[in-house]
Amino acid sequence: MFIRSEHIYLRALESGDLNLLYSFENDQSIWKVSNTLSPFSKDVLELYLHSAHQDIYTNKQLRLMICLVETNEAIGTIDLFEFEPLHLRVGVGVLIFEGYRKKGHALEALQLINAYAKNTLLLHQLFCNISAGNMESIALFEKCGFKKAGVKKDWNRVSGHQFEDEFLYQLIL
């Protein structure tokens, strides 16, 4: 196990995760939070899995699976992205699969990744971008100690000519 708490652990991606990645990367209901516009093929995801073993300094990103300690079942992912080693910062995003939400797993995963970023990567800060209407994510990140640092006005188009603000949150470690 990679990083562990009482109920969950975070582990590296494995080749056996291909079908799971394929299913959630192609789930259109979550595309708006990841700015995805088109589906991913299994071939593309397989190539991604083959490079996922490289460290965050090489890829500037890191995706880990969130798994239950009791069953070893994968219940989500947590991503570090836009890694800036010069400035000691990285973005963070978390996805808990349908059926496992509202059980505290996302908070636990964020706490684990925050400790990893501070104690292993020796980073100064984490940041995330959250749509103004995503109240659950706002509550989650605020509960984990993130503070709203700014507002990007009319940042994301939600439909037609309707736009929504996006908040920038930061956690100084």
Protein backbone atom coordinates (compact mmCIF):
# COMPACT_ATOMS: atom_id res chain seq x y z
CA MET A 1 0.00 0.00 0.00
CA PHE A 2 1.17 3.46 -0.86
CA ILE A 3 -0.43 5.95 1.55
CA ARG A 4 -2.91 4.70 4.11
CA SER A 5 -5.44 5.91 6.67
CA GLU A 6 -7.99 4.01 8.71
CA HIS A 7 -10.55 3.46 5.93
CA ILE A 8 -8.78 4.10 2.63
CA TYR A 9 -5.42 3.94 0.94
CA LEU A 10 -3.98 5.61 -2.14
CA ARG A 11 -2.08 3.50 -4.64
CA ALA A 12 -0.43 3.89 -8.01
CA LEU A 13 -2.34 3.04 -11.17
CA GLU A 14 -2.08 -0.55 -12.35
CA SER A 15 -2.74 -2.17 -15.72
CA GLY A 16 -5.84 -3.79 -14.23
CA ASP A 17 -7.37 -0.31 -13.81
CA LEU A 18 -7.87 0.11 -17.57
CA ASN A 19 -11.59 -0.75 -17.67
CA LEU A 20 -12.32 1.37 -14.61
CA LEU A 21 -10.46 4.36 -16.10
CA TYR A 22 -12.28 3.82 -19.37
CA SER A 23 -15.68 3.89 -17.65
CA PHE A 24 -15.22 7.06 -15.62
CA GLU A 25 -13.13 9.02 -18.14
CA ASN A 26 -16.00 8.49 -20.60
CA ASP A 27 -18.76 9.35 -18.11
CA GLN A 28 -20.21 12.53 -19.59
CA SER A 29 -21.79 13.52 -16.27
CA ILE A 30 -18.33 14.43 -14.90
CA TRP A 31 -16.86 15.97 -18.04
CA LYS A 32 -17.81 19.50 -16.99
CA VAL A 33 -15.53 19.40 -13.94
CA SER A 34 -12.61 18.01 -15.91
CA ASN A 35 -13.13 20.16 -19.03
CA THR A 36 -13.32 17.00 -21.14
CA LEU A 37 -14.88 17.40 -24.57
CA SER A 38 -14.48 13.99 -26.18
CA PRO A 39 -14.27 10.34 -25.12
CA PHE A 40 -11.02 8.49 -24.50
CA SER A 41 -10.22 5.25 -26.30
CA LYS A 42 -8.87 2.24 -24.43
CA ASP A 43 -5.70 2.53 -26.54
CA VAL A 44 -5.07 6.08 -25.33
CA LEU A 45 -5.75 5.12 -21.72
CA GLU A 46 -3.46 2.11 -22.02
CA LEU A 47 -0.65 4.39 -23.21
CA TYR A 48 -1.38 6.66 -20.25
CA LEU A 49 -1.15 3.69 -17.88
CA HIS A 50 2.24 2.76 -19.33
CA SER A 51 3.63 6.21 -18.50
CA ALA A 52 1.86 6.59 -15.15
CA HIS A 53 4.78 4.96 -13.32
CA GLN A 54 6.95 8.01 -13.97
CA ASP A 55 7.34 10.35 -11.03
CA ILE A 56 5.65 13.71 -10.63
CA TYR A 57 8.85 15.55 -11.56
CA THR A 58 8.82 13.87 -14.98
CA ASN A 59 5.09 13.97 -15.78
CA LYS A 60 4.18 17.11 -13.78
CA GLN A 61 1.15 15.14 -12.63
CA LEU A 62 0.27 12.12 -10.51
CA ARG A 63 -2.97 10.13 -10.40
CA LEU A 64 -3.61 7.71 -7.56
CA MET A 65 -6.46 5.29 -7.02
CA ILE A 66 -8.47 5.64 -3.82
CA CYS A 67 -9.19 2.16 -2.41
CA LEU A 68 -11.05 0.81 0.60
CA VAL A 69 -8.78 -0.82 3.19
CA GLU A 70 -11.34 -3.56 3.98
CA THR A 71 -12.01 -4.76 0.44
CA ASN A 72 -9.18 -3.27 -1.71
CA GLU A 73 -11.94 -1.97 -4.00
CA ALA A 74 -11.13 1.16 -6.02
CA ILE A 75 -13.67 3.86 -5.18
CA GLY A 76 -12.17 6.92 -6.86
CA THR A 77 -9.10 8.82 -7.91
CA ILE A 78 -7.09 11.74 -6.63
CA ASP A 79 -4.95 13.77 -8.99
CA LEU A 80 -2.04 16.11 -8.57
CA PHE A 81 -1.60 18.27 -11.68
CA GLU A 82 0.16 21.39 -12.95
CA PHE A 83 3.09 20.59 -10.69
CA GLU A 84 5.46 23.56 -10.41
CA PRO A 85 8.64 22.43 -8.61
CA LEU A 86 10.18 25.91 -8.80
CA HIS A 87 7.23 27.42 -6.93
CA LEU A 88 6.57 24.34 -4.77
CA ARG A 89 2.88 24.09 -5.71
CA VAL A 90 0.53 21.59 -7.31
CA GLY A 91 -3.16 21.43 -8.19
CA VAL A 92 -5.37 18.75 -6.66
CA GLY A 93 -8.62 17.15 -7.76
CA VAL A 94 -10.59 14.27 -6.32
CA LEU A 95 -13.30 12.03 -7.76
CA ILE A 96 -15.29 9.53 -5.74
CA PHE A 97 -17.35 7.10 -7.81
CA GLU A 98 -21.13 7.07 -7.58
CA GLY A 99 -22.30 4.90 -4.69
CA TYR A 100 -19.31 5.77 -2.48
CA ARG A 101 -19.95 9.49 -2.08
CA LYS A 102 -20.96 11.26 1.15
CA LYS A 103 -19.12 8.76 3.34
CA GLY A 104 -16.04 10.85 4.15
CA HIS A 105 -13.74 9.13 1.64
CA ALA A 106 -12.95 12.30 -0.31
CA LEU A 107 -12.00 14.17 2.88
CA GLU A 108 -9.79 11.29 3.98
CA ALA A 109 -8.13 11.14 0.55
CA LEU A 110 -7.48 14.89 0.58
CA GLN A 111 -5.96 14.69 4.05
CA LEU A 112 -3.66 11.89 2.88
CA ILE A 113 -2.56 13.73 -0.26
CA ASN A 114 -2.03 16.96 1.69
CA ALA A 115 0.32 15.14 4.08
CA TYR A 116 2.11 13.51 1.13
CA ALA A 117 2.52 16.89 -0.62
CA LYS A 118 3.91 18.49 2.54
CA ASN A 119 6.05 15.70 3.99
CA THR A 120 7.24 13.79 0.91
CA LEU A 121 7.16 16.29 -1.94
CA LEU A 122 8.07 19.15 0.43
CA LEU A 123 5.61 21.50 -1.28
CA HIS A 124 4.50 24.90 -0.06
CA GLN A 125 0.93 24.87 -1.33
CA LEU A 126 -1.90 23.05 -3.04
CA PHE A 127 -4.60 24.67 -5.14
CA CYS A 128 -7.88 23.67 -6.75
CA ASN A 129 -10.44 25.22 -9.06
CA ILE A 130 -14.11 24.76 -8.20
CA SER A 131 -17.19 25.90 -10.10
CA ALA A 132 -19.24 28.33 -8.03
CA GLY A 133 -22.25 26.01 -8.16
CA ASN A 134 -20.40 22.95 -6.86
CA MET A 135 -21.36 23.38 -3.22
CA GLU A 136 -20.30 19.87 -2.21
CA SER A 137 -16.74 20.39 -3.45
CA ILE A 138 -16.55 23.84 -1.87
CA ALA A 139 -17.62 22.39 1.48
CA LEU A 140 -15.16 19.50 1.13
CA PHE A 141 -12.12 21.64 0.35
CA GLU A 142 -13.00 24.23 3.00
CA LYS A 143 -13.37 21.45 5.58
CA CYS A 144 -9.87 20.32 4.60
CA GLY A 145 -8.47 23.81 5.26
CA PHE A 146 -8.45 25.31 1.76
CA LYS A 147 -9.25 29.04 1.57
CA LYS A 148 -10.90 30.87 -1.30
CA ALA A 149 -8.18 32.99 -2.93
CA GLY A 150 -10.00 34.37 -5.94
CA VAL A 151 -12.91 34.37 -8.34
CA LYS A 152 -12.64 33.87 -12.08
CA LYS A 153 -15.74 35.64 -13.43
CA ASP A 154 -17.85 33.86 -16.07
CA TRP A 155 -15.05 31.30 -16.36
CA ASN A 156 -16.95 28.19 -17.46
CA ARG A 157 -19.70 28.03 -20.04
CA VAL A 158 -22.51 25.91 -18.66
CA SER A 159 -24.90 26.15 -21.62
CA GLY A 160 -25.48 28.36 -24.62
CA HIS A 161 -24.46 31.82 -23.51
CA GLN A 162 -24.67 31.11 -19.77
CA PHE A 163 -21.44 31.17 -17.79
CA GLU A 164 -20.52 30.33 -14.21
CA ASP A 165 -17.80 31.72 -11.99
CA GLU A 166 -14.97 29.48 -10.85
CA PHE A 167 -13.25 29.82 -7.48
CA LEU A 168 -9.55 29.39 -6.86
CA TYR A 169 -8.85 27.71 -3.53
CA GLN A 170 -5.42 27.36 -1.90
CA LEU A 171 -3.99 25.49 1.04
CA ILE A 172 -0.68 26.77 2.38
CA LEU A 173 1.00 23.70 3.86
